[in-house]
Amino acid sequence: MTDDEIKKDMTLGDIITKHPETAKIMVGYGLHCIGCHVATWETLEQGAKAHGLGDKQIEDMLKEMNDIIEKKE
């Protein structure tokens, strides 16, 4: 992984700001809240769990997002 690795304790707002290309992955997992005001302080894990995702789904989403970042570099 790179220094830009996305982690589940990062806020949704920070992720979208640094890696806008990951938005489509989050939306695909049901996180349509990425543009919501809550996204500025809610972590990826908090948002995912609020939308009913389990730990395995969160880990899968993180892997997909980090894979897309690595390919970009």
PDB file of N, CA and C in Angstrom:
ATOM      1  N   MET A   1       0.836  -1.181   0.000  1.00  0.00           N
ATOM      2  CA  MET A   1       0.000   0.000   0.000  1.00  0.00           C
ATOM      3  C   MET A   1       0.887   1.254   0.000  1.00  0.00           C
ATOM      4  N   THR A   2       0.269   2.325  -0.418  1.00  0.00           N
ATOM      5  CA  THR A   2       0.984   3.591  -0.497  1.00  0.00           C
ATOM      6  C   THR A   2       0.693   4.449   0.736  1.00  0.00           C
ATOM      7  N   ASP A   3       1.324   5.603   0.788  1.00  0.00           N
ATOM      8  CA  ASP A   3       1.041   6.552   1.865  1.00  0.00           C
ATOM      9  C   ASP A   3      -0.381   7.086   1.769  1.00  0.00           C
ATOM     10  N   ASP A   4      -0.969   6.990   0.595  1.00  0.00           N
ATOM     11  CA  ASP A   4      -2.331   7.475   0.360  1.00  0.00           C
ATOM     12  C   ASP A   4      -3.384   6.427   0.686  1.00  0.00           C
ATOM     13  N   GLU A   5      -2.998   5.337   1.309  1.00  0.00           N
ATOM     14  CA  GLU A   5      -3.930   4.255   1.607  1.00  0.00           C
ATOM     15  C   GLU A   5      -5.159   4.757   2.356  1.00  0.00           C
ATOM     16  N   ILE A   6      -6.316   4.312   1.898  1.00  0.00           N
ATOM     17  CA  ILE A   6      -7.564   4.659   2.561  1.00  0.00           C
ATOM     18  C   ILE A   6      -7.784   3.676   3.698  1.00  0.00           C
ATOM     19  N   LYS A   7      -8.143   4.211   4.848  1.00  0.00           N
ATOM     20  CA  LYS A   7      -8.403   3.382   6.023  1.00  0.00           C
ATOM     21  C   LYS A   7      -9.816   3.668   6.515  1.00  0.00           C
ATOM     22  N   LYS A   8     -10.376   2.725   7.252  1.00  0.00           N
ATOM     23  CA  LYS A   8     -11.771   2.846   7.665  1.00  0.00           C
ATOM     24  C   LYS A   8     -12.010   3.955   8.690  1.00  0.00           C
ATOM     25  N   ASP A   9     -10.952   4.474   9.303  1.00  0.00           N
ATOM     26  CA  ASP A   9     -11.141   5.553  10.268  1.00  0.00           C
ATOM     27  C   ASP A   9     -10.994   6.945   9.645  1.00  0.00           C
ATOM     28  N   MET A  10     -10.839   7.006   8.326  1.00  0.00           N
ATOM     29  CA  MET A  10     -10.780   8.284   7.618  1.00  0.00           C
ATOM     30  C   MET A  10     -12.209   8.793   7.395  1.00  0.00           C
ATOM     31  N   THR A  11     -12.371  10.113   7.396  1.00  0.00           N
ATOM     32  CA  THR A  11     -13.707  10.643   7.148  1.00  0.00           C
ATOM     33  C   THR A  11     -14.045  10.505   5.660  1.00  0.00           C
ATOM     34  N   LEU A  12     -15.330  10.387   5.416  1.00  0.00           N
ATOM     35  CA  LEU A  12     -15.796  10.286   4.033  1.00  0.00           C
ATOM     36  C   LEU A  12     -15.378  11.528   3.247  1.00  0.00           C
ATOM     37  N   GLY A  13     -15.474  12.687   3.873  1.00  0.00           N
ATOM     38  CA  GLY A  13     -15.084  13.930   3.215  1.00  0.00           C
ATOM     39  C   GLY A  13     -13.624  13.946   2.803  1.00  0.00           C
ATOM     40  N   ASP A  14     -12.745  13.490   3.690  1.00  0.00           N
ATOM     41  CA  ASP A  14     -11.315  13.440   3.364  1.00  0.00           C
ATOM     42  C   ASP A  14     -11.043  12.478   2.205  1.00  0.00           C
ATOM     43  N   ILE A  15     -11.717  11.350   2.229  1.00  0.00           N
ATOM     44  CA  ILE A  15     -11.514  10.355   1.161  1.00  0.00           C
ATOM     45  C   ILE A  15     -11.920  10.939  -0.186  1.00  0.00           C
ATOM     46  N   ILE A  16     -13.095  11.552  -0.252  1.00  0.00           N
ATOM     47  CA  ILE A  16     -13.586  12.117  -1.509  1.00  0.00           C
ATOM     48  C   ILE A  16     -12.715  13.275  -1.977  1.00  0.00           C
ATOM     49  N   THR A  17     -12.250  14.089  -1.036  1.00  0.00           N
ATOM     50  CA  THR A  17     -11.382  15.215  -1.397  1.00  0.00           C
ATOM     51  C   THR A  17     -10.069  14.720  -1.992  1.00  0.00           C
ATOM     52  N   LYS A  18      -9.452  13.731  -1.364  1.00  0.00           N
ATOM     53  CA  LYS A  18      -8.150  13.224  -1.811  1.00  0.00           C
ATOM     54  C   LYS A  18      -8.267  12.268  -2.982  1.00  0.00           C
ATOM     55  N   HIS A  19      -9.365  11.509  -3.034  1.00  0.00           N
ATOM     56  CA  HIS A  19      -9.506  10.449  -4.046  1.00  0.00           C
ATOM     57  C   HIS A  19     -10.923  10.427  -4.615  1.00  0.00           C
ATOM     58  N   PRO A  20     -11.293  11.451  -5.385  1.00  0.00           N
ATOM     59  CA  PRO A  20     -12.663  11.511  -5.906  1.00  0.00           C
ATOM     60  C   PRO A  20     -13.045  10.302  -6.761  1.00  0.00           C
ATOM     61  N   GLU A  21     -12.067   9.632  -7.297  1.00  0.00           N
ATOM     62  CA  GLU A  21     -12.338   8.461  -8.131  1.00  0.00           C
ATOM     63  C   GLU A  21     -12.933   7.289  -7.337  1.00  0.00           C
ATOM     64  N   THR A  22     -12.870   7.369  -6.017  1.00  0.00           N
ATOM     65  CA  THR A  22     -13.420   6.290  -5.186  1.00  0.00           C
ATOM     66  C   THR A  22     -14.915   6.457  -4.920  1.00  0.00           C
ATOM     67  N   ALA A  23     -15.474   7.602  -5.287  1.00  0.00           N
ATOM     68  CA  ALA A  23     -16.890   7.872  -5.012  1.00  0.00           C
ATOM     69  C   ALA A  23     -17.790   6.808  -5.631  1.00  0.00           C
ATOM     70  N   LYS A  24     -17.491   6.396  -6.862  1.00  0.00           N
ATOM     71  CA  LYS A  24     -18.346   5.411  -7.528  1.00  0.00           C
ATOM     72  C   LYS A  24     -18.324   4.071  -6.796  1.00  0.00           C
ATOM     73  N   ILE A  25     -17.217   3.743  -6.168  1.00  0.00           N
ATOM     74  CA  ILE A  25     -17.144   2.492  -5.404  1.00  0.00           C
ATOM     75  C   ILE A  25     -18.018   2.596  -4.162  1.00  0.00           C
ATOM     76  N   MET A  26     -17.917   3.726  -3.450  1.00  0.00           N
ATOM     77  CA  MET A  26     -18.734   3.903  -2.252  1.00  0.00           C
ATOM     78  C   MET A  26     -20.224   3.891  -2.595  1.00  0.00           C
ATOM     79  N   VAL A  27     -20.597   4.564  -3.658  1.00  0.00           N
ATOM     80  CA  VAL A  27     -22.000   4.569  -4.085  1.00  0.00           C
ATOM     81  C   VAL A  27     -22.447   3.150  -4.424  1.00  0.00           C
ATOM     82  N   GLY A  28     -21.571   2.373  -5.033  1.00  0.00           N
ATOM     83  CA  GLY A  28     -21.885   0.993  -5.364  1.00  0.00           C
ATOM     84  C   GLY A  28     -22.162   0.131  -4.134  1.00  0.00           C
ATOM     85  N   TYR A  29     -21.612   0.523  -3.011  1.00  0.00           N
ATOM     86  CA  TYR A  29     -21.847  -0.184  -1.748  1.00  0.00           C
ATOM     87  C   TYR A  29     -23.009   0.436  -0.956  1.00  0.00           C
ATOM     88  N   GLY A  30     -23.690   1.400  -1.565  1.00  0.00           N
ATOM     89  CA  GLY A  30     -24.855   1.994  -0.920  1.00  0.00           C
ATOM     90  C   GLY A  30     -24.583   3.245  -0.112  1.00  0.00           C
ATOM     91  N   LEU A  31     -23.370   3.761  -0.182  1.00  0.00           N
ATOM     92  CA  LEU A  31     -23.032   4.980   0.558  1.00  0.00           C
ATOM     93  C   LEU A  31     -23.328   6.202  -0.306  1.00  0.00           C
ATOM     94  N   HIS A  32     -24.600   6.502  -0.454  1.00  0.00           N
ATOM     95  CA  HIS A  32     -25.008   7.656  -1.246  1.00  0.00           C
ATOM     96  C   HIS A  32     -24.844   8.947  -0.456  1.00  0.00           C
ATOM     97  N   CYS A  33     -24.402   8.819   0.767  1.00  0.00           N
ATOM     98  CA  CYS A  33     -24.275   9.966   1.673  1.00  0.00           C
ATOM     99  C   CYS A  33     -22.968  10.722   1.493  1.00  0.00           C
ATOM    100  N   ILE A  34     -22.164  10.374   0.517  1.00  0.00           N
ATOM    101  CA  ILE A  34     -20.844  10.991   0.403  1.00  0.00           C
ATOM    102  C   ILE A  34     -20.897  12.493   0.180  1.00  0.00           C
ATOM    103  N   GLY A  35     -22.015  13.010  -0.314  1.00  0.00           N
ATOM    104  CA  GLY A  35     -22.158  14.444  -0.496  1.00  0.00           C
ATOM    105  C   GLY A  35     -22.885  15.122   0.650  1.00  0.00           C
ATOM    106  N   CYS A  36     -23.294  14.354   1.634  1.00  0.00           N
ATOM    107  CA  CYS A  36     -24.063  14.859   2.777  1.00  0.00           C
ATOM    108  C   CYS A  36     -23.140  15.631   3.732  1.00  0.00           C
ATOM    109  N   HIS A  37     -23.723  16.563   4.489  1.00  0.00           N
ATOM    110  CA  HIS A  37     -22.926  17.331   5.450  1.00  0.00           C
ATOM    111  C   HIS A  37     -22.292  16.447   6.523  1.00  0.00           C
ATOM    112  N   VAL A  38     -22.885  15.302   6.793  1.00  0.00           N
ATOM    113  CA  VAL A  38     -22.339  14.378   7.795  1.00  0.00           C
ATOM    114  C   VAL A  38     -21.006  13.797   7.327  1.00  0.00           C
ATOM    115  N   ALA A  39     -20.804  13.734   6.021  1.00  0.00           N
ATOM    116  CA  ALA A  39     -19.585  13.140   5.463  1.00  0.00           C
ATOM    117  C   ALA A  39     -18.328  13.885   5.890  1.00  0.00           C
ATOM    118  N   THR A  40     -18.453  15.114   6.338  1.00  0.00           N
ATOM    119  CA  THR A  40     -17.267  15.867   6.738  1.00  0.00           C
ATOM    120  C   THR A  40     -16.672  15.366   8.040  1.00  0.00           C
ATOM    121  N   TRP A  41     -17.485  14.727   8.876  1.00  0.00           N
ATOM    122  CA  TRP A  41     -16.951  14.238  10.166  1.00  0.00           C
ATOM    123  C   TRP A  41     -17.164  12.752  10.401  1.00  0.00           C
ATOM    124  N   GLU A  42     -18.002  12.102   9.587  1.00  0.00           N
ATOM    125  CA  GLU A  42     -18.266  10.673   9.781  1.00  0.00           C
ATOM    126  C   GLU A  42     -17.190   9.845   9.098  1.00  0.00           C
ATOM    127  N   THR A  43     -16.722   8.808   9.776  1.00  0.00           N
ATOM    128  CA  THR A  43     -15.699   7.957   9.179  1.00  0.00           C
ATOM    129  C   THR A  43     -16.335   6.989   8.186  1.00  0.00           C
ATOM    130  N   LEU A  44     -15.504   6.422   7.348  1.00  0.00           N
ATOM    131  CA  LEU A  44     -15.963   5.430   6.385  1.00  0.00           C
ATOM    132  C   LEU A  44     -16.659   4.279   7.107  1.00  0.00           C
ATOM    133  N   GLU A  45     -16.056   3.808   8.190  1.00  0.00           N
ATOM    134  CA  GLU A  45     -16.639   2.698   8.931  1.00  0.00           C
ATOM    135  C   GLU A  45     -17.994   3.079   9.533  1.00  0.00           C
ATOM    136  N   GLN A  46     -18.087   4.271  10.118  1.00  0.00           N
ATOM    137  CA  GLN A  46     -19.355   4.707  10.708  1.00  0.00           C
ATOM    138  C   GLN A  46     -20.449   4.809   9.644  1.00  0.00           C
ATOM    139  N   GLY A  47     -20.118   5.416   8.525  1.00  0.00           N
ATOM    140  CA  GLY A  47     -21.087   5.563   7.443  1.00  0.00           C
ATOM    141  C   GLY A  47     -21.517   4.218   6.885  1.00  0.00           C
ATOM    142  N   ALA A  48     -20.558   3.324   6.709  1.00  0.00           N
ATOM    143  CA  ALA A  48     -20.867   2.005   6.164  1.00  0.00           C
ATOM    144  C   ALA A  48     -21.769   1.218   7.113  1.00  0.00           C
ATOM    145  N   LYS A  49     -21.452   1.258   8.388  1.00  0.00           N
ATOM    146  CA  LYS A  49     -22.269   0.528   9.367  1.00  0.00           C
ATOM    147  C   LYS A  49     -23.663   1.138   9.486  1.00  0.00           C
ATOM    148  N   ALA A  50     -23.760   2.467   9.366  1.00  0.00           N
ATOM    149  CA  ALA A  50     -25.062   3.133   9.417  1.00  0.00           C
ATOM    150  C   ALA A  50     -25.937   2.711   8.234  1.00  0.00           C
ATOM    151  N   HIS A  51     -25.285   2.307   7.152  1.00  0.00           N
ATOM    152  CA  HIS A  51     -26.008   1.853   5.963  1.00  0.00           C
ATOM    153  C   HIS A  51     -26.110   0.329   5.898  1.00  0.00           C
ATOM    154  N   GLY A  52     -25.800  -0.333   7.004  1.00  0.00           N
ATOM    155  CA  GLY A  52     -26.019  -1.766   7.107  1.00  0.00           C
ATOM    156  C   GLY A  52     -24.913  -2.665   6.586  1.00  0.00           C
ATOM    157  N   LEU A  53     -23.745  -2.109   6.300  1.00  0.00           N
ATOM    158  CA  LEU A  53     -22.641  -2.941   5.820  1.00  0.00           C
ATOM    159  C   LEU A  53     -21.938  -3.613   6.993  1.00  0.00           C
ATOM    160  N   GLY A  54     -21.494  -4.829   6.769  1.00  0.00           N
ATOM    161  CA  GLY A  54     -20.747  -5.561   7.778  1.00  0.00           C
ATOM    162  C   GLY A  54     -19.252  -5.391   7.594  1.00  0.00           C
ATOM    163  N   ASP A  55     -18.493  -5.947   8.507  1.00  0.00           N
ATOM    164  CA  ASP A  55     -17.032  -5.814   8.472  1.00  0.00           C
ATOM    165  C   ASP A  55     -16.432  -6.341   7.170  1.00  0.00           C
ATOM    166  N   LYS A  56     -16.919  -7.466   6.685  1.00  0.00           N
ATOM    167  CA  LYS A  56     -16.391  -8.059   5.443  1.00  0.00           C
ATOM    168  C   LYS A  56     -16.649  -7.127   4.259  1.00  0.00           C
ATOM    169  N   GLN A  57     -17.842  -6.552   4.190  1.00  0.00           N
ATOM    170  CA  GLN A  57     -18.153  -5.633   3.096  1.00  0.00           C
ATOM    171  C   GLN A  57     -17.290  -4.375   3.169  1.00  0.00           C
ATOM    172  N   ILE A  58     -17.044  -3.904   4.370  1.00  0.00           N
ATOM    173  CA  ILE A  58     -16.191  -2.727   4.541  1.00  0.00           C
ATOM    174  C   ILE A  58     -14.775  -3.040   4.075  1.00  0.00           C
ATOM    175  N   GLU A  59     -14.263  -4.193   4.457  1.00  0.00           N
ATOM    176  CA  GLU A  59     -12.918  -4.590   4.027  1.00  0.00           C
ATOM    177  C   GLU A  59     -12.854  -4.743   2.506  1.00  0.00           C
ATOM    178  N   ASP A  60     -13.891  -5.314   1.899  1.00  0.00           N
ATOM    179  CA  ASP A  60     -13.932  -5.457   0.436  1.00  0.00           C
ATOM    180  C   ASP A  60     -13.931  -4.087  -0.234  1.00  0.00           C
ATOM    181  N   MET A  61     -14.728  -3.152   0.301  1.00  0.00           N
ATOM    182  CA  MET A  61     -14.796  -1.810  -0.256  1.00  0.00           C
ATOM    183  C   MET A  61     -13.436  -1.116  -0.134  1.00  0.00           C
ATOM    184  N   LEU A  62     -12.798  -1.235   1.016  1.00  0.00           N
ATOM    185  CA  LEU A  62     -11.470  -0.644   1.205  1.00  0.00           C
ATOM    186  C   LEU A  62     -10.476  -1.195   0.194  1.00  0.00           C
ATOM    187  N   LYS A  63     -10.507  -2.498  -0.021  1.00  0.00           N
ATOM    188  CA  LYS A  63      -9.598  -3.119  -0.986  1.00  0.00           C
ATOM    189  C   LYS A  63      -9.836  -2.565  -2.382  1.00  0.00           C
ATOM    190  N   GLU A  64     -11.091  -2.465  -2.788  1.00  0.00           N
ATOM    191  CA  GLU A  64     -11.404  -1.925  -4.114  1.00  0.00           C
ATOM    192  C   GLU A  64     -10.919  -0.484  -4.251  1.00  0.00           C
ATOM    193  N   MET A  65     -11.145   0.322  -3.227  1.00  0.00           N
ATOM    194  CA  MET A  65     -10.727   1.720  -3.302  1.00  0.00           C
ATOM    195  C   MET A  65      -9.213   1.846  -3.332  1.00  0.00           C
ATOM    196  N   ASN A  66      -8.520   1.083  -2.507  1.00  0.00           N
ATOM    197  CA  ASN A  66      -7.059   1.156  -2.498  1.00  0.00           C
ATOM    198  C   ASN A  66      -6.466   0.590  -3.782  1.00  0.00           C
ATOM    199  N   ASP A  67      -7.110  -0.410  -4.364  1.00  0.00           N
ATOM    200  CA  ASP A  67      -6.647  -0.933  -5.657  1.00  0.00           C
ATOM    201  C   ASP A  67      -6.739   0.124  -6.743  1.00  0.00           C
ATOM    202  N   ILE A  68      -7.835   0.882  -6.764  1.00  0.00           N
ATOM    203  CA  ILE A  68      -8.003   1.911  -7.799  1.00  0.00           C
ATOM    204  C   ILE A  68      -6.975   3.040  -7.618  1.00  0.00           C
ATOM    205  N   ILE A  69      -6.628   3.341  -6.379  1.00  0.00           N
ATOM    206  CA  ILE A  69      -5.617   4.366  -6.109  1.00  0.00           C
ATOM    207  C   ILE A  69      -4.241   3.891  -6.583  1.00  0.00           C
ATOM    208  N   GLU A  70      -3.918   2.653  -6.306  1.00  0.00           N
ATOM    209  CA  GLU A  70      -2.624   2.110  -6.731  1.00  0.00           C
ATOM    210  C   GLU A  70      -2.504   2.099  -8.239  1.00  0.00           C
ATOM    211  N   LYS A  71      -3.586   1.759  -8.940  1.00  0.00           N
ATOM    212  CA  LYS A  71      -3.559   1.731 -10.406  1.00  0.00           C
ATOM    213  C   LYS A  71      -3.382   3.125 -10.967  1.00  0.00           C
ATOM    214  N   LYS A  72      -3.917   4.130 -10.281  1.00  0.00           N
ATOM    215  CA  LYS A  72      -3.820   5.519 -10.719  1.00  0.00           C
ATOM    216  C   LYS A  72      -2.379   6.006 -10.663  1.00  0.00           C
ATOM    217  N   GLU A  73      -1.651   5.544  -9.667  1.00  0.00           N
ATOM    218  CA  GLU A  73      -0.266   5.984  -9.483  1.00  0.00           C
ATOM    219  C   GLU A  73       0.585   5.279 -10.479  1.00  0.00           C
TER     220      GLU A  73
END
